[in-house]
């Protein structure tokens, strides 16, 4: 998965912000959301992203996979990321 053309990712003190330059909308992400989107932007597959999330935040792997799937679903629906 990759960020769609016209979408910028910027790190902040509180996580990250995604700006859709096509229509001016933005998403504010907490730390875990920033890790997920950053890893997706690097080209990692969702399962690899979940592994990174589980390791970095010391959470259950199944919970991490569910969190990644949900955020990816929402970002795809919004056109922020593309498969």
Protein backbone atom coordinates (compact mmCIF):
# COMPACT_ATOMS: atom_id res chain seq x y z
CA UNK A 1 0.00 0.00 0.00
CA UNK A 2 1.12 3.53 -0.69
CA UNK A 3 -0.08 7.03 0.07
CA UNK A 4 -2.19 8.36 -2.76
CA UNK A 5 -0.76 11.08 -4.98
CA UNK A 6 -1.32 14.46 -3.37
CA UNK A 7 -1.27 13.13 0.20
CA UNK A 8 1.51 14.32 2.52
CA UNK A 9 2.55 12.77 5.83
CA UNK A 10 4.15 15.01 8.46
CA UNK A 11 5.36 13.94 11.90
CA UNK A 12 4.31 16.00 14.91
CA UNK A 13 5.03 15.93 18.64
CA UNK A 14 1.75 14.04 19.09
CA UNK A 15 1.90 11.56 16.22
CA UNK A 16 1.43 12.68 12.62
CA UNK A 17 -0.83 14.55 10.25
CA UNK A 18 -1.95 13.40 6.83
CA UNK A 19 -2.86 16.25 4.48
CA UNK A 20 -4.86 15.51 1.37
CA UNK A 21 -3.67 18.36 -0.82
CA UNK A 22 -6.33 17.53 -3.40
CA UNK A 23 -9.18 18.80 -1.24
CA UNK A 24 -7.53 20.27 1.87
CA UNK A 25 -8.76 17.64 4.32
CA UNK A 26 -6.45 16.31 6.98
CA UNK A 27 -6.25 13.45 9.44
CA UNK A 28 -4.55 13.78 12.79
CA UNK A 29 -2.96 10.51 13.91
CA UNK A 30 -1.88 9.45 17.38
CA UNK A 31 1.46 7.70 17.90
CA UNK A 32 0.21 4.26 16.90
CA UNK A 33 -1.58 5.65 13.84
CA UNK A 34 1.63 7.44 12.86
CA UNK A 35 3.57 4.16 13.07
CA UNK A 36 0.95 2.40 10.95
CA UNK A 37 0.83 5.04 8.22
CA UNK A 38 4.60 5.57 8.26
CA UNK A 39 5.18 1.85 7.76
CA UNK A 40 2.59 1.72 4.97
CA UNK A 41 4.31 4.69 3.31
CA UNK A 42 7.57 2.70 3.45
CA UNK A 43 5.80 0.00 1.46
CA UNK A 44 5.38 -2.57 4.23
CA UNK A 45 2.49 -5.01 3.91
CA UNK A 46 -0.28 -4.71 6.53
CA UNK A 47 0.87 -7.88 8.36
CA UNK A 48 4.41 -6.51 8.64
CA UNK A 49 2.97 -3.20 9.85
CA UNK A 50 1.05 -5.07 12.55
CA UNK A 51 4.24 -6.84 13.66
CA UNK A 52 6.00 -3.48 13.97
CA UNK A 53 3.07 -2.01 15.89
CA UNK A 54 2.94 -4.96 18.30
CA UNK A 55 6.67 -4.74 18.99
CA UNK A 56 6.81 -0.96 19.37
CA UNK A 57 3.77 -0.64 21.63
CA UNK A 58 3.99 -4.04 23.36
CA UNK A 59 0.46 -5.02 22.36
CA UNK A 60 -1.04 -8.38 21.43
CA UNK A 61 -0.40 -9.34 17.80
CA UNK A 62 -4.10 -10.00 17.13
CA UNK A 63 -5.03 -6.58 18.50
CA UNK A 64 -2.33 -4.95 16.37
CA UNK A 65 -3.61 -6.71 13.23
CA UNK A 66 -7.17 -5.58 13.96
CA UNK A 67 -6.03 -1.99 14.52
CA UNK A 68 -4.04 -1.96 11.28
CA UNK A 69 -6.94 -3.46 9.30
CA UNK A 70 -9.39 -0.89 10.65
CA UNK A 71 -7.17 2.12 9.95
CA UNK A 72 -6.28 0.82 6.49
CA UNK A 73 -9.98 0.28 5.71
CA UNK A 74 -10.80 3.85 6.70
CA UNK A 75 -7.85 5.33 4.79
CA UNK A 76 -8.68 3.37 1.63
CA UNK A 77 -12.33 4.48 1.84
CA UNK A 78 -11.15 8.09 2.13
CA UNK A 79 -8.74 7.69 -0.80
CA UNK A 80 -5.73 8.47 1.40
CA UNK A 81 -3.93 5.21 0.63
CA UNK A 82 -4.10 2.96 -2.37
CA UNK A 83 -3.45 -0.77 -2.61
